[in-house]
PDB file of N, CA and C in Angstrom:
ATOM      1  N   MET A   1     -11.492   0.710   8.959  1.00  0.00           N
ATOM      2  CA  MET A   1     -10.431  -0.240   9.212  1.00  0.00           C
ATOM      3  C   MET A   1     -10.917  -1.247  10.254  1.00  0.00           C
ATOM      4  N   PRO A   2     -10.468  -2.476  10.151  1.00  0.00           N
ATOM      5  CA  PRO A   2     -10.851  -3.480  11.155  1.00  0.00           C
ATOM      6  C   PRO A   2     -10.352  -3.085  12.540  1.00  0.00           C
ATOM      7  N   GLU A   3     -10.989  -3.615  13.552  1.00  0.00           N
ATOM      8  CA  GLU A   3     -10.613  -3.331  14.933  1.00  0.00           C
ATOM      9  C   GLU A   3      -9.439  -4.199  15.363  1.00  0.00           C
ATOM     10  N   GLN A   4      -8.371  -4.154  14.640  1.00  0.00           N
ATOM     11  CA  GLN A   4      -7.149  -4.873  14.984  1.00  0.00           C
ATOM     12  C   GLN A   4      -6.019  -3.860  14.990  1.00  0.00           C
ATOM     13  N   SER A   5      -4.862  -4.292  15.355  1.00  0.00           N
ATOM     14  CA  SER A   5      -3.728  -3.375  15.382  1.00  0.00           C
ATOM     15  C   SER A   5      -3.501  -2.784  13.997  1.00  0.00           C
ATOM     16  N   PRO A   6      -3.308  -1.477  13.920  1.00  0.00           N
ATOM     17  CA  PRO A   6      -3.029  -0.867  12.622  1.00  0.00           C
ATOM     18  C   PRO A   6      -1.579  -1.085  12.172  1.00  0.00           C
ATOM     19  N   PHE A   7      -0.744  -1.663  13.029  1.00  0.00           N
ATOM     20  CA  PHE A   7       0.648  -1.927  12.657  1.00  0.00           C
ATOM     21  C   PHE A   7       0.669  -3.223  11.848  1.00  0.00           C
ATOM     22  N   ILE A   8       0.914  -3.105  10.536  1.00  0.00           N
ATOM     23  CA  ILE A   8       0.697  -4.250   9.652  1.00  0.00           C
ATOM     24  C   ILE A   8       1.964  -4.860   9.059  1.00  0.00           C
ATOM     25  N   TRP A   9       3.094  -4.189   9.144  1.00  0.00           N
ATOM     26  CA  TRP A   9       4.312  -4.749   8.557  1.00  0.00           C
ATOM     27  C   TRP A   9       5.506  -4.179   9.297  1.00  0.00           C
ATOM     28  N   HIS A  10       6.510  -5.003   9.495  1.00  0.00           N
ATOM     29  CA  HIS A  10       7.741  -4.575  10.159  1.00  0.00           C
ATOM     30  C   HIS A  10       8.893  -4.764   9.188  1.00  0.00           C
ATOM     31  N   GLU A  11       9.795  -3.790   9.184  1.00  0.00           N
ATOM     32  CA  GLU A  11      10.862  -3.794   8.194  1.00  0.00           C
ATOM     33  C   GLU A  11      12.170  -3.334   8.827  1.00  0.00           C
ATOM     34  N   LEU A  12      13.215  -4.042   8.498  1.00  0.00           N
ATOM     35  CA  LEU A  12      14.565  -3.692   8.928  1.00  0.00           C
ATOM     36  C   LEU A  12      15.266  -3.001   7.772  1.00  0.00           C
ATOM     37  N   VAL A  13      15.821  -1.837   8.038  1.00  0.00           N
ATOM     38  CA  VAL A  13      16.638  -1.119   7.064  1.00  0.00           C
ATOM     39  C   VAL A  13      18.077  -1.242   7.546  1.00  0.00           C
ATOM     40  N   THR A  14      18.944  -1.787   6.692  1.00  0.00           N
ATOM     41  CA  THR A  14      20.332  -2.020   7.085  1.00  0.00           C
ATOM     42  C   THR A  14      21.240  -1.975   5.860  1.00  0.00           C
ATOM     43  N   PRO A  15      22.435  -1.442   6.002  1.00  0.00           N
ATOM     44  CA  PRO A  15      23.372  -1.459   4.880  1.00  0.00           C
ATOM     45  C   PRO A  15      24.017  -2.830   4.684  1.00  0.00           C
ATOM     46  N   ASP A  16      23.810  -3.766   5.616  1.00  0.00           N
ATOM     47  CA  ASP A  16      24.422  -5.095   5.523  1.00  0.00           C
ATOM     48  C   ASP A  16      23.363  -6.177   5.735  1.00  0.00           C
ATOM     49  N   GLN A  17      22.608  -6.453   4.669  1.00  0.00           N
ATOM     50  CA  GLN A  17      21.532  -7.434   4.766  1.00  0.00           C
ATOM     51  C   GLN A  17      22.053  -8.825   5.125  1.00  0.00           C
ATOM     52  N   LYS A  18      23.219  -9.175   4.636  1.00  0.00           N
ATOM     53  CA  LYS A  18      23.756 -10.511   4.909  1.00  0.00           C
ATOM     54  C   LYS A  18      23.965 -10.716   6.416  1.00  0.00           C
ATOM     55  N   SER A  19      24.668  -9.794   7.044  1.00  0.00           N
ATOM     56  CA  SER A  19      24.955  -9.898   8.468  1.00  0.00           C
ATOM     57  C   SER A  19      23.683  -9.801   9.311  1.00  0.00           C
ATOM     58  N   SER A  20      22.853  -8.787   9.037  1.00  0.00           N
ATOM     59  CA  SER A  20      21.616  -8.619   9.795  1.00  0.00           C
ATOM     60  C   SER A  20      20.674  -9.788   9.568  1.00  0.00           C
ATOM     61  N   GLY A  21      20.587 -10.250   8.322  1.00  0.00           N
ATOM     62  CA  GLY A  21      19.712 -11.382   8.013  1.00  0.00           C
ATOM     63  C   GLY A  21      20.125 -12.635   8.754  1.00  0.00           C
ATOM     64  N   THR A  22      21.412 -12.898   8.797  1.00  0.00           N
ATOM     65  CA  THR A  22      21.915 -14.064   9.530  1.00  0.00           C
ATOM     66  C   THR A  22      21.596 -13.937  11.011  1.00  0.00           C
ATOM     67  N   PHE A  23      21.838 -12.768  11.589  1.00  0.00           N
ATOM     68  CA  PHE A  23      21.600 -12.562  13.012  1.00  0.00           C
ATOM     69  C   PHE A  23      20.134 -12.825  13.376  1.00  0.00           C
ATOM     70  N   PHE A  24      19.201 -12.137  12.693  1.00  0.00           N
ATOM     71  CA  PHE A  24      17.792 -12.269  13.062  1.00  0.00           C
ATOM     72  C   PHE A  24      17.225 -13.636  12.700  1.00  0.00           C
ATOM     73  N   SER A  25      17.716 -14.227  11.627  1.00  0.00           N
ATOM     74  CA  SER A  25      17.270 -15.581  11.272  1.00  0.00           C
ATOM     75  C   SER A  25      17.657 -16.584  12.352  1.00  0.00           C
ATOM     76  N   GLU A  26      18.888 -16.489  12.822  1.00  0.00           N
ATOM     77  CA  GLU A  26      19.340 -17.410  13.864  1.00  0.00           C
ATOM     78  C   GLU A  26      18.668 -17.110  15.206  1.00  0.00           C
ATOM     79  N   LEU A  27      18.452 -15.839  15.497  1.00  0.00           N
ATOM     80  CA  LEU A  27      17.823 -15.459  16.755  1.00  0.00           C
ATOM     81  C   LEU A  27      16.376 -15.944  16.849  1.00  0.00           C
ATOM     82  N   PHE A  28      15.613 -15.795  15.753  1.00  0.00           N
ATOM     83  CA  PHE A  28      14.183 -16.088  15.789  1.00  0.00           C
ATOM     84  C   PHE A  28      13.778 -17.355  15.039  1.00  0.00           C
ATOM     85  N   GLY A  29      14.729 -18.045  14.433  1.00  0.00           N
ATOM     86  CA  GLY A  29      14.383 -19.236  13.675  1.00  0.00           C
ATOM     87  C   GLY A  29      13.680 -18.930  12.354  1.00  0.00           C
ATOM     88  N   TRP A  30      14.000 -17.781  11.783  1.00  0.00           N
ATOM     89  CA  TRP A  30      13.411 -17.374  10.509  1.00  0.00           C
ATOM     90  C   TRP A  30      14.258 -17.879   9.348  1.00  0.00           C
ATOM     91  N   THR A  31      13.654 -17.938   8.181  1.00  0.00           N
ATOM     92  CA  THR A  31      14.385 -18.151   6.943  1.00  0.00           C
ATOM     93  C   THR A  31      14.307 -16.848   6.143  1.00  0.00           C
ATOM     94  N   CYS A  32      15.167 -16.725   5.148  1.00  0.00           N
ATOM     95  CA  CYS A  32      15.200 -15.526   4.316  1.00  0.00           C
ATOM     96  C   CYS A  32      14.914 -15.901   2.868  1.00  0.00           C
ATOM     97  N   ARG A  33      14.109 -15.070   2.219  1.00  0.00           N
ATOM     98  CA  ARG A  33      13.869 -15.225   0.786  1.00  0.00           C
ATOM     99  C   ARG A  33      14.112 -13.872   0.134  1.00  0.00           C
ATOM    100  N   GLU A  34      15.086 -13.823  -0.763  1.00  0.00           N
ATOM    101  CA  GLU A  34      15.431 -12.575  -1.438  1.00  0.00           C
ATOM    102  C   GLU A  34      14.581 -12.395  -2.687  1.00  0.00           C
ATOM    103  N   VAL A  35      14.140 -11.156  -2.907  1.00  0.00           N
ATOM    104  CA  VAL A  35      13.391 -10.815  -4.111  1.00  0.00           C
ATOM    105  C   VAL A  35      14.027  -9.583  -4.742  1.00  0.00           C
ATOM    106  N   ASP A  36      13.909  -9.478  -6.049  1.00  0.00           N
ATOM    107  CA  ASP A  36      14.453  -8.339  -6.783  1.00  0.00           C
ATOM    108  C   ASP A  36      13.499  -7.162  -6.628  1.00  0.00           C
ATOM    109  N   ALA A  37      13.968  -6.074  -6.058  1.00  0.00           N
ATOM    110  CA  ALA A  37      13.156  -4.868  -5.863  1.00  0.00           C
ATOM    111  C   ALA A  37      13.512  -3.789  -6.878  1.00  0.00           C
ATOM    112  N   GLY A  38      14.004  -4.188  -8.028  1.00  0.00           N
ATOM    113  CA  GLY A  38      14.316  -3.238  -9.095  1.00  0.00           C
ATOM    114  C   GLY A  38      15.380  -2.245  -8.678  1.00  0.00           C
ATOM    115  N   ALA A  39      15.049  -0.966  -8.802  1.00  0.00           N
ATOM    116  CA  ALA A  39      16.001   0.106  -8.482  1.00  0.00           C
ATOM    117  C   ALA A  39      16.416   0.105  -7.010  1.00  0.00           C
ATOM    118  N   PHE A  40      15.620  -0.537  -6.154  1.00  0.00           N
ATOM    119  CA  PHE A  40      15.944  -0.577  -4.723  1.00  0.00           C
ATOM    120  C   PHE A  40      16.860  -1.736  -4.374  1.00  0.00           C
ATOM    121  N   GLY A  41      17.211  -2.570  -5.347  1.00  0.00           N
ATOM    122  CA  GLY A  41      18.119  -3.691  -5.103  1.00  0.00           C
ATOM    123  C   GLY A  41      17.382  -4.913  -4.590  1.00  0.00           C
ATOM    124  N   ILE A  42      17.990  -5.598  -3.665  1.00  0.00           N
ATOM    125  CA  ILE A  42      17.411  -6.817  -3.103  1.00  0.00           C
ATOM    126  C   ILE A  42      16.547  -6.468  -1.899  1.00  0.00           C
ATOM    127  N   TYR A  43      15.355  -7.047  -1.854  1.00  0.00           N
ATOM    128  CA  TYR A  43      14.482  -6.954  -0.686  1.00  0.00           C
ATOM    129  C   TYR A  43      14.407  -8.363  -0.122  1.00  0.00           C
ATOM    130  N   THR A  44      14.613  -8.498   1.168  1.00  0.00           N
ATOM    131  CA  THR A  44      14.603  -9.809   1.804  1.00  0.00           C
ATOM    132  C   THR A  44      13.337  -9.957   2.627  1.00  0.00           C
ATOM    133  N   LEU A  45      12.657 -11.066   2.431  1.00  0.00           N
ATOM    134  CA  LEU A  45      11.492 -11.405   3.245  1.00  0.00           C
ATOM    135  C   LEU A  45      11.927 -12.381   4.316  1.00  0.00           C
ATOM    136  N   PHE A  46      11.681 -12.038   5.575  1.00  0.00           N
ATOM    137  CA  PHE A  46      11.878 -12.979   6.667  1.00  0.00           C
ATOM    138  C   PHE A  46      10.626 -13.841   6.730  1.00  0.00           C
ATOM    139  N   GLN A  47      10.818 -15.145   6.871  1.00  0.00           N
ATOM    140  CA  GLN A  47       9.685 -16.056   6.920  1.00  0.00           C
ATOM    141  C   GLN A  47       9.788 -16.997   8.115  1.00  0.00           C
ATOM    142  N   LYS A  48       8.629 -17.372   8.628  1.00  0.00           N
ATOM    143  CA  LYS A  48       8.525 -18.364   9.690  1.00  0.00           C
ATOM    144  C   LYS A  48       7.453 -19.354   9.240  1.00  0.00           C
ATOM    145  N   ASN A  49       7.824 -20.621   9.166  1.00  0.00           N
ATOM    146  CA  ASN A  49       6.891 -21.663   8.706  1.00  0.00           C
ATOM    147  C   ASN A  49       6.277 -21.320   7.351  1.00  0.00           C
ATOM    148  N   GLY A  50       7.091 -20.730   6.457  1.00  0.00           N
ATOM    149  CA  GLY A  50       6.637 -20.413   5.112  1.00  0.00           C
ATOM    150  C   GLY A  50       5.801 -19.148   4.992  1.00  0.00           C
ATOM    151  N   GLN A  51       5.560 -18.454   6.099  1.00  0.00           N
ATOM    152  CA  GLN A  51       4.768 -17.221   6.082  1.00  0.00           C
ATOM    153  C   GLN A  51       5.679 -16.008   6.221  1.00  0.00           C
ATOM    154  N   ASP A  52       5.428 -14.978   5.428  1.00  0.00           N
ATOM    155  CA  ASP A  52       6.186 -13.733   5.547  1.00  0.00           C
ATOM    156  C   ASP A  52       5.870 -13.087   6.890  1.00  0.00           C
ATOM    157  N   VAL A  53       6.912 -12.738   7.651  1.00  0.00           N
ATOM    158  CA  VAL A  53       6.704 -12.097   8.961  1.00  0.00           C
ATOM    159  C   VAL A  53       7.302 -10.699   9.032  1.00  0.00           C
ATOM    160  N   ALA A  54       8.255 -10.382   8.164  1.00  0.00           N
ATOM    161  CA  ALA A  54       8.891  -9.062   8.165  1.00  0.00           C
ATOM    162  C   ALA A  54       9.735  -8.932   6.905  1.00  0.00           C
ATOM    163  N   GLY A  55      10.226  -7.730   6.657  1.00  0.00           N
ATOM    164  CA  GLY A  55      11.066  -7.499   5.497  1.00  0.00           C
ATOM    165  C   GLY A  55      12.363  -6.804   5.881  1.00  0.00           C
ATOM    166  N   MET A  56      13.283  -6.782   4.919  1.00  0.00           N
ATOM    167  CA  MET A  56      14.578  -6.135   5.140  1.00  0.00           C
ATOM    168  C   MET A  56      15.031  -5.525   3.823  1.00  0.00           C
ATOM    169  N   MET A  57      15.588  -4.324   3.918  1.00  0.00           N
ATOM    170  CA  MET A  57      16.061  -3.641   2.718  1.00  0.00           C
ATOM    171  C   MET A  57      17.279  -2.791   3.032  1.00  0.00           C
ATOM    172  N   ASN A  58      17.972  -2.382   1.972  1.00  0.00           N
ATOM    173  CA  ASN A  58      19.077  -1.440   2.097  1.00  0.00           C
ATOM    174  C   ASN A  58      18.514  -0.034   2.241  1.00  0.00           C
ATOM    175  N   PRO A  59      19.259   0.880   2.856  1.00  0.00           N
ATOM    176  CA  PRO A  59      18.812   2.276   2.891  1.00  0.00           C
ATOM    177  C   PRO A  59      18.735   2.835   1.470  1.00  0.00           C
ATOM    178  N   THR A  60      17.862   3.797   1.278  1.00  0.00           N
ATOM    179  CA  THR A  60      17.735   4.495   0.002  1.00  0.00           C
ATOM    180  C   THR A  60      18.094   5.959   0.229  1.00  0.00           C
ATOM    181  N   PRO A  61      18.217   6.741  -0.835  1.00  0.00           N
ATOM    182  CA  PRO A  61      18.489   8.177  -0.641  1.00  0.00           C
ATOM    183  C   PRO A  61      17.406   8.873   0.185  1.00  0.00           C
ATOM    184  N   ASP A  62      16.176   8.345   0.181  1.00  0.00           N
ATOM    185  CA  ASP A  62      15.072   8.942   0.938  1.00  0.00           C
ATOM    186  C   ASP A  62      14.980   8.439   2.373  1.00  0.00           C
ATOM    187  N   THR A  63      15.804   7.467   2.752  1.00  0.00           N
ATOM    188  CA  THR A  63      15.709   6.904   4.098  1.00  0.00           C
ATOM    189  C   THR A  63      15.887   8.021   5.126  1.00  0.00           C
ATOM    190  N   PRO A  64      14.858   8.212   5.996  1.00  0.00           N
ATOM    191  CA  PRO A  64      14.910   9.355   6.914  1.00  0.00           C
ATOM    192  C   PRO A  64      15.838   9.184   8.113  1.00  0.00           C
ATOM    193  N   CYS A  65      16.276   7.990   8.419  1.00  0.00           N
ATOM    194  CA  CYS A  65      17.156   7.755   9.568  1.00  0.00           C
ATOM    195  C   CYS A  65      18.496   7.212   9.084  1.00  0.00           C
ATOM    196  N   LYS A  66      19.485   7.294   9.925  1.00  0.00           N
ATOM    197  CA  LYS A  66      20.813   6.769   9.590  1.00  0.00           C
ATOM    198  C   LYS A  66      21.079   5.508  10.396  1.00  0.00           C
ATOM    199  N   GLY A  67      21.976   4.670   9.909  1.00  0.00           N
ATOM    200  CA  GLY A  67      22.294   3.425  10.595  1.00  0.00           C
ATOM    201  C   GLY A  67      21.213   2.386  10.362  1.00  0.00           C
ATOM    202  N   SER A  68      21.347   1.248  11.009  1.00  0.00           N
ATOM    203  CA  SER A  68      20.354   0.181  10.905  1.00  0.00           C
ATOM    204  C   SER A  68      19.239   0.421  11.912  1.00  0.00           C
ATOM    205  N   PHE A  69      18.013   0.125  11.505  1.00  0.00           N
ATOM    206  CA  PHE A  69      16.871   0.307  12.392  1.00  0.00           C
ATOM    207  C   PHE A  69      15.671  -0.485  11.887  1.00  0.00           C
ATOM    208  N   TRP A  70      14.807  -0.835  12.813  1.00  0.00           N
ATOM    209  CA  TRP A  70      13.519  -1.455  12.510  1.00  0.00           C
ATOM    210  C   TRP A  70      12.453  -0.365  12.509  1.00  0.00           C
ATOM    211  N   HIS A  71      11.461  -0.510  11.642  1.00  0.00           N
ATOM    212  CA  HIS A  71      10.294   0.369  11.700  1.00  0.00           C
ATOM    213  C   HIS A  71       9.063  -0.439  11.323  1.00  0.00           C
ATOM    214  N   ALA A  72       7.915   0.093  11.680  1.00  0.00           N
ATOM    215  CA  ALA A  72       6.646  -0.571  11.391  1.00  0.00           C
ATOM    216  C   ALA A  72       5.819   0.307  10.463  1.00  0.00           C
ATOM    217  N   TYR A  73       4.984  -0.325   9.655  1.00  0.00           N
ATOM    218  CA  TYR A  73       4.039   0.394   8.816  1.00  0.00           C
ATOM    219  C   TYR A  73       2.682   0.396   9.496  1.00  0.00           C
ATOM    220  N   ILE A  74       2.023   1.553   9.471  1.00  0.00           N
ATOM    221  CA  ILE A  74       0.696   1.718  10.035  1.00  0.00           C
ATOM    222  C   ILE A  74      -0.293   1.776   8.879  1.00  0.00           C
ATOM    223  N   ALA A  75      -1.322   0.928   8.927  1.00  0.00           N
ATOM    224  CA  ALA A  75      -2.320   0.879   7.860  1.00  0.00           C
ATOM    225  C   ALA A  75      -3.228   2.104   7.919  1.00  0.00           C
ATOM    226  N   VAL A  76      -3.461   2.690   6.759  1.00  0.00           N
ATOM    227  CA  VAL A  76      -4.397   3.810   6.628  1.00  0.00           C
ATOM    228  C   VAL A  76      -5.293   3.543   5.433  1.00  0.00           C
ATOM    229  N   GLU A  77      -6.474   4.151   5.450  1.00  0.00           N
ATOM    230  CA  GLU A  77      -7.410   3.952   4.335  1.00  0.00           C
ATOM    231  C   GLU A  77      -7.158   4.912   3.186  1.00  0.00           C
ATOM    232  N   ASP A  78      -6.628   6.098   3.484  1.00  0.00           N
ATOM    233  CA  ASP A  78      -6.396   7.106   2.444  1.00  0.00           C
ATOM    234  C   ASP A  78      -5.064   7.798   2.725  1.00  0.00           C
ATOM    235  N   ILE A  79      -4.023   7.327   2.072  1.00  0.00           N
ATOM    236  CA  ILE A  79      -2.673   7.830   2.343  1.00  0.00           C
ATOM    237  C   ILE A  79      -2.509   9.289   1.918  1.00  0.00           C
ATOM    238  N   GLU A  80      -3.179   9.684   0.849  1.00  0.00           N
ATOM    239  CA  GLU A  80      -3.096  11.082   0.400  1.00  0.00           C
ATOM    240  C   GLU A  80      -3.714  12.010   1.446  1.00  0.00           C
ATOM    241  N   ALA A  81      -4.849  11.618   2.014  1.00  0.00           N
ATOM    242  CA  ALA A  81      -5.500  12.428   3.054  1.00  0.00           C
ATOM    243  C   ALA A  81      -4.610  12.508   4.295  1.00  0.00           C
ATOM    244  N   CYS A  82      -3.954  11.410   4.649  1.00  0.00           N
ATOM    245  CA  CYS A  82      -3.055  11.423   5.814  1.00  0.00           C
ATOM    246  C   CYS A  82      -1.872  12.357   5.583  1.00  0.00           C
ATOM    247  N   ALA A  83      -1.336  12.366   4.373  1.00  0.00           N
ATOM    248  CA  ALA A  83      -0.214  13.260   4.067  1.00  0.00           C
ATOM    249  C   ALA A  83      -0.659  14.719   4.173  1.00  0.00           C
ATOM    250  N   ARG A  84      -1.845  15.028   3.653  1.00  0.00           N
ATOM    251  CA  ARG A  84      -2.358  16.408   3.757  1.00  0.00           C
ATOM    252  C   ARG A  84      -2.606  16.795   5.217  1.00  0.00           C
ATOM    253  N   GLN A  85      -3.222  15.885   5.974  1.00  0.00           N
ATOM    254  CA  GLN A  85      -3.531  16.151   7.375  1.00  0.00           C
ATOM    255  C   GLN A  85      -2.259  16.337   8.207  1.00  0.00           C
ATOM    256  N   THR A  86      -1.211  15.590   7.851  1.00  0.00           N
ATOM    257  CA  THR A  86       0.073  15.739   8.547  1.00  0.00           C
ATOM    258  C   THR A  86       0.543  17.180   8.491  1.00  0.00           C
ATOM    259  N   LEU A  87       0.462  17.792   7.317  1.00  0.00           N
ATOM    260  CA  LEU A  87       0.895  19.183   7.148  1.00  0.00           C
ATOM    261  C   LEU A  87       0.014  20.138   7.953  1.00  0.00           C
ATOM    262  N   LEU A  88      -1.294  19.893   7.944  1.00  0.00           N
ATOM    263  CA  LEU A  88      -2.225  20.753   8.678  1.00  0.00           C
ATOM    264  C   LEU A  88      -1.989  20.680  10.189  1.00  0.00           C
ATOM    265  N   LEU A  89      -1.489  19.533  10.658  1.00  0.00           N
ATOM    266  CA  LEU A  89      -1.249  19.347  12.086  1.00  0.00           C
ATOM    267  C   LEU A  89       0.163  19.771  12.516  1.00  0.00           C
ATOM    268  N   GLY A  90       0.923  20.353  11.581  1.00  0.00           N
ATOM    269  CA  GLY A  90       2.253  20.862  11.928  1.00  0.00           C
ATOM    270  C   GLY A  90       3.372  19.870  11.714  1.00  0.00           C
ATOM    271  N   GLY A  91       3.070  18.737  11.117  1.00  0.00           N
ATOM    272  CA  GLY A  91       4.094  17.745  10.808  1.00  0.00           C
ATOM    273  C   GLY A  91       4.666  17.977   9.425  1.00  0.00           C
ATOM    274  N   ARG A  92       5.450  17.020   8.954  1.00  0.00           N
ATOM    275  CA  ARG A  92       5.992  17.122   7.594  1.00  0.00           C
ATOM    276  C   ARG A  92       5.963  15.764   6.913  1.00  0.00           C
ATOM    277  N   VAL A  93       5.888  15.804   5.615  1.00  0.00           N
ATOM    278  CA  VAL A  93       5.941  14.580   4.813  1.00  0.00           C
ATOM    279  C   VAL A  93       7.407  14.356   4.471  1.00  0.00           C
ATOM    280  N   VAL A  94       7.975  13.273   4.981  1.00  0.00           N
ATOM    281  CA  VAL A  94       9.397  12.968   4.793  1.00  0.00           C
ATOM    282  C   VAL A  94       9.622  12.288   3.447  1.00  0.00           C
ATOM    283  N   VAL A  95       8.791  11.306   3.131  1.00  0.00           N
ATOM    284  CA  VAL A  95       8.808  10.615   1.840  1.00  0.00           C
ATOM    285  C   VAL A  95       7.377  10.661   1.316  1.00  0.00           C
ATOM    286  N   PRO A  96       7.136  11.330   0.191  1.00  0.00           N
ATOM    287  CA  PRO A  96       5.772  11.471  -0.318  1.00  0.00           C
ATOM    288  C   PRO A  96       5.134  10.116  -0.659  1.00  0.00           C
ATOM    289  N   PRO A  97       3.802  10.080  -0.659  1.00  0.00           N
ATOM    290  CA  PRO A  97       3.119   8.844  -1.037  1.00  0.00           C
ATOM    291  C   PRO A  97       3.558   8.363  -2.422  1.00  0.00           C
ATOM    292  N   HIS A  98       3.804   7.069  -2.506  1.00  0.00           N
ATOM    293  CA  HIS A  98       4.181   6.468  -3.785  1.00  0.00           C
ATOM    294  C   HIS A  98       3.768   4.999  -3.797  1.00  0.00           C
ATOM    295  N   ASP A  99       3.638   4.469  -5.003  1.00  0.00           N
ATOM    296  CA  ASP A  99       3.207   3.084  -5.183  1.00  0.00           C
ATOM    297  C   ASP A  99       4.346   2.102  -4.967  1.00  0.00           C
ATOM    298  N   VAL A 100       4.018   0.983  -4.357  1.00  0.00           N
ATOM    299  CA  VAL A 100       4.896  -0.176  -4.278  1.00  0.00           C
ATOM    300  C   VAL A 100       4.120  -1.302  -4.955  1.00  0.00           C
ATOM    301  N   PRO A 101       4.548  -1.714  -6.145  1.00  0.00           N
ATOM    302  CA  PRO A 101       3.796  -2.719  -6.899  1.00  0.00           C
ATOM    303  C   PRO A 101       3.511  -3.977  -6.074  1.00  0.00           C
ATOM    304  N   GLY A 102       2.269  -4.404  -6.139  1.00  0.00           N
ATOM    305  CA  GLY A 102       1.856  -5.611  -5.438  1.00  0.00           C
ATOM    306  C   GLY A 102       1.639  -5.432  -3.951  1.00  0.00           C
ATOM    307  N   VAL A 103       1.867  -4.219  -3.422  1.00  0.00           N
ATOM    308  CA  VAL A 103       1.748  -3.965  -1.983  1.00  0.00           C
ATOM    309  C   VAL A 103       0.706  -2.890  -1.697  1.00  0.00           C
ATOM    310  N   GLY A 104       0.860  -1.722  -2.314  1.00  0.00           N
ATOM    311  CA  GLY A 104      -0.030  -0.595  -2.074  1.00  0.00           C
ATOM    312  C   GLY A 104       0.721   0.707  -2.208  1.00  0.00           C
ATOM    313  N   ARG A 105       0.293   1.710  -1.450  1.00  0.00           N
ATOM    314  CA  ARG A 105       0.967   3.008  -1.448  1.00  0.00           C
ATOM    315  C   ARG A 105       1.558   3.232  -0.069  1.00  0.00           C
ATOM    316  N   ILE A 106       2.771   3.794  -0.031  1.00  0.00           N
ATOM    317  CA  ILE A 106       3.442   4.060   1.238  1.00  0.00           C
ATOM    318  C   ILE A 106       3.962   5.493   1.269  1.00  0.00           C
ATOM    319  N   CYS A 107       4.202   5.980   2.468  1.00  0.00           N
ATOM    320  CA  CYS A 107       4.876   7.262   2.664  1.00  0.00           C
ATOM    321  C   CYS A 107       5.445   7.289   4.075  1.00  0.00           C
ATOM    322  N   ALA A 108       6.284   8.255   4.328  1.00  0.00           N
ATOM    323  CA  ALA A 108       6.825   8.465   5.668  1.00  0.00           C
ATOM    324  C   ALA A 108       6.507   9.894   6.070  1.00  0.00           C
ATOM    325  N   ILE A 109       6.048  10.052   7.305  1.00  0.00           N
ATOM    326  CA  ILE A 109       5.724  11.374   7.832  1.00  0.00           C
ATOM    327  C   ILE A 109       6.458  11.579   9.150  1.00  0.00           C
ATOM    328  N   ALA A 110       6.503  12.825   9.606  1.00  0.00           N
ATOM    329  CA  ALA A 110       7.075  13.126  10.920  1.00  0.00           C
ATOM    330  C   ALA A 110       6.107  14.025  11.666  1.00  0.00           C
ATOM    331  N   ASP A 111       5.955  13.772  12.957  1.00  0.00           N
ATOM    332  CA  ASP A 111       5.117  14.647  13.779  1.00  0.00           C
ATOM    333  C   ASP A 111       5.897  15.932  14.068  1.00  0.00           C
ATOM    334  N   PRO A 112       5.285  16.920  14.728  1.00  0.00           N
ATOM    335  CA  PRO A 112       5.995  18.181  14.999  1.00  0.00           C
ATOM    336  C   PRO A 112       7.273  18.022  15.818  1.00  0.00           C
ATOM    337  N   ASN A 113       7.420  16.889  16.528  1.00  0.00           N
ATOM    338  CA  ASN A 113       8.635  16.650  17.315  1.00  0.00           C
ATOM    339  C   ASN A 113       9.685  15.865  16.556  1.00  0.00           C
ATOM    340  N   GLY A 114       9.373  15.461  15.329  1.00  0.00           N
ATOM    341  CA  GLY A 114      10.325  14.721  14.510  1.00  0.00           C
ATOM    342  C   GLY A 114      10.165  13.215  14.538  1.00  0.00           C
ATOM    343  N   ALA A 115       9.182  12.697  15.300  1.00  0.00           N
ATOM    344  CA  ALA A 115       8.961  11.241  15.322  1.00  0.00           C
ATOM    345  C   ALA A 115       8.440  10.791  13.965  1.00  0.00           C
ATOM    346  N   ILE A 116       9.148   9.860  13.361  1.00  0.00           N
ATOM    347  CA  ILE A 116       8.805   9.399  12.017  1.00  0.00           C
ATOM    348  C   ILE A 116       7.868   8.204  12.093  1.00  0.00           C
ATOM    349  N   ALA A 117       6.860   8.211  11.231  1.00  0.00           N
ATOM    350  CA  ALA A 117       5.933   7.087  11.096  1.00  0.00           C
ATOM    351  C   ALA A 117       5.851   6.719   9.623  1.00  0.00           C
ATOM    352  N   HIS A 118       5.814   5.425   9.362  1.00  0.00           N
ATOM    353  CA  HIS A 118       5.660   4.918   7.998  1.00  0.00           C
ATOM    354  C   HIS A 118       4.218   4.472   7.827  1.00  0.00           C
ATOM    355  N   LEU A 119       3.569   4.960   6.783  1.00  0.00           N
ATOM    356  CA  LEU A 119       2.165   4.657   6.524  1.00  0.00           C
ATOM    357  C   LEU A 119       2.036   3.798   5.284  1.00  0.00           C
ATOM    358  N   MET A 120       1.023   2.925   5.289  1.00  0.00           N
ATOM    359  CA  MET A 120       0.751   2.081   4.124  1.00  0.00           C
ATOM    360  C   MET A 120      -0.752   2.006   3.874  1.00  0.00           C
ATOM    361  N   GLN A 121      -1.121   2.275   2.652  1.00  0.00           N
ATOM    362  CA  GLN A 121      -2.484   2.028   2.196  1.00  0.00           C
ATOM    363  C   GLN A 121      -2.416   0.744   1.379  1.00  0.00           C
ATOM    364  N   PRO A 122      -2.761  -0.388   2.006  1.00  0.00           N
ATOM    365  CA  PRO A 122      -2.622  -1.662   1.302  1.00  0.00           C
ATOM    366  C   PRO A 122      -3.545  -1.746   0.095  1.00  0.00           C
ATOM    367  N   LEU A 123      -3.141  -2.553  -0.859  1.00  0.00           N
ATOM    368  CA  LEU A 123      -4.010  -2.823  -2.000  1.00  0.00           C
ATOM    369  C   LEU A 123      -5.284  -3.463  -1.495  1.00  0.00           C
ATOM    370  N   LYS A 124      -6.374  -3.152  -2.139  1.00  0.00           N
ATOM    371  CA  LYS A 124      -7.653  -3.786  -1.786  1.00  0.00           C
ATOM    372  C   LYS A 124      -7.650  -5.220  -2.298  1.00  0.00           C
ATOM    373  N   PRO A 125      -8.128  -6.157  -1.468  1.00  0.00           N
ATOM    374  CA  PRO A 125      -8.140  -7.574  -1.920  1.00  0.00           C
ATOM    375  C   PRO A 125      -9.131  -7.795  -3.046  1.00  0.00           C
TER     376      PRO A 125
END
């Protein structure tokens, strides 16, 4: 992995995208672009100067936390190996690795204390 921050994407999970989107757009001067996420409903991309800076989605049945919250994705080279290693280190896999078309593979894990981390193995360019 490059010697840069492994935190590669930030995402807001909220049951009210309209209200949250308006708040953060006005606070940071962002615009919103909605995209169809199929079974997941609408996914909103926050943009600044035409560049994607963060995303927003509704909670899903697999969402590990309740209420609205921000989380970050940590880039990994092998998401399957990270999921296996999580178990060996006493953690748990909260959401198993799965594909996100056009993005890569993602999963959610928890450390032995319950701290949740979202992992992403980005598509290779």
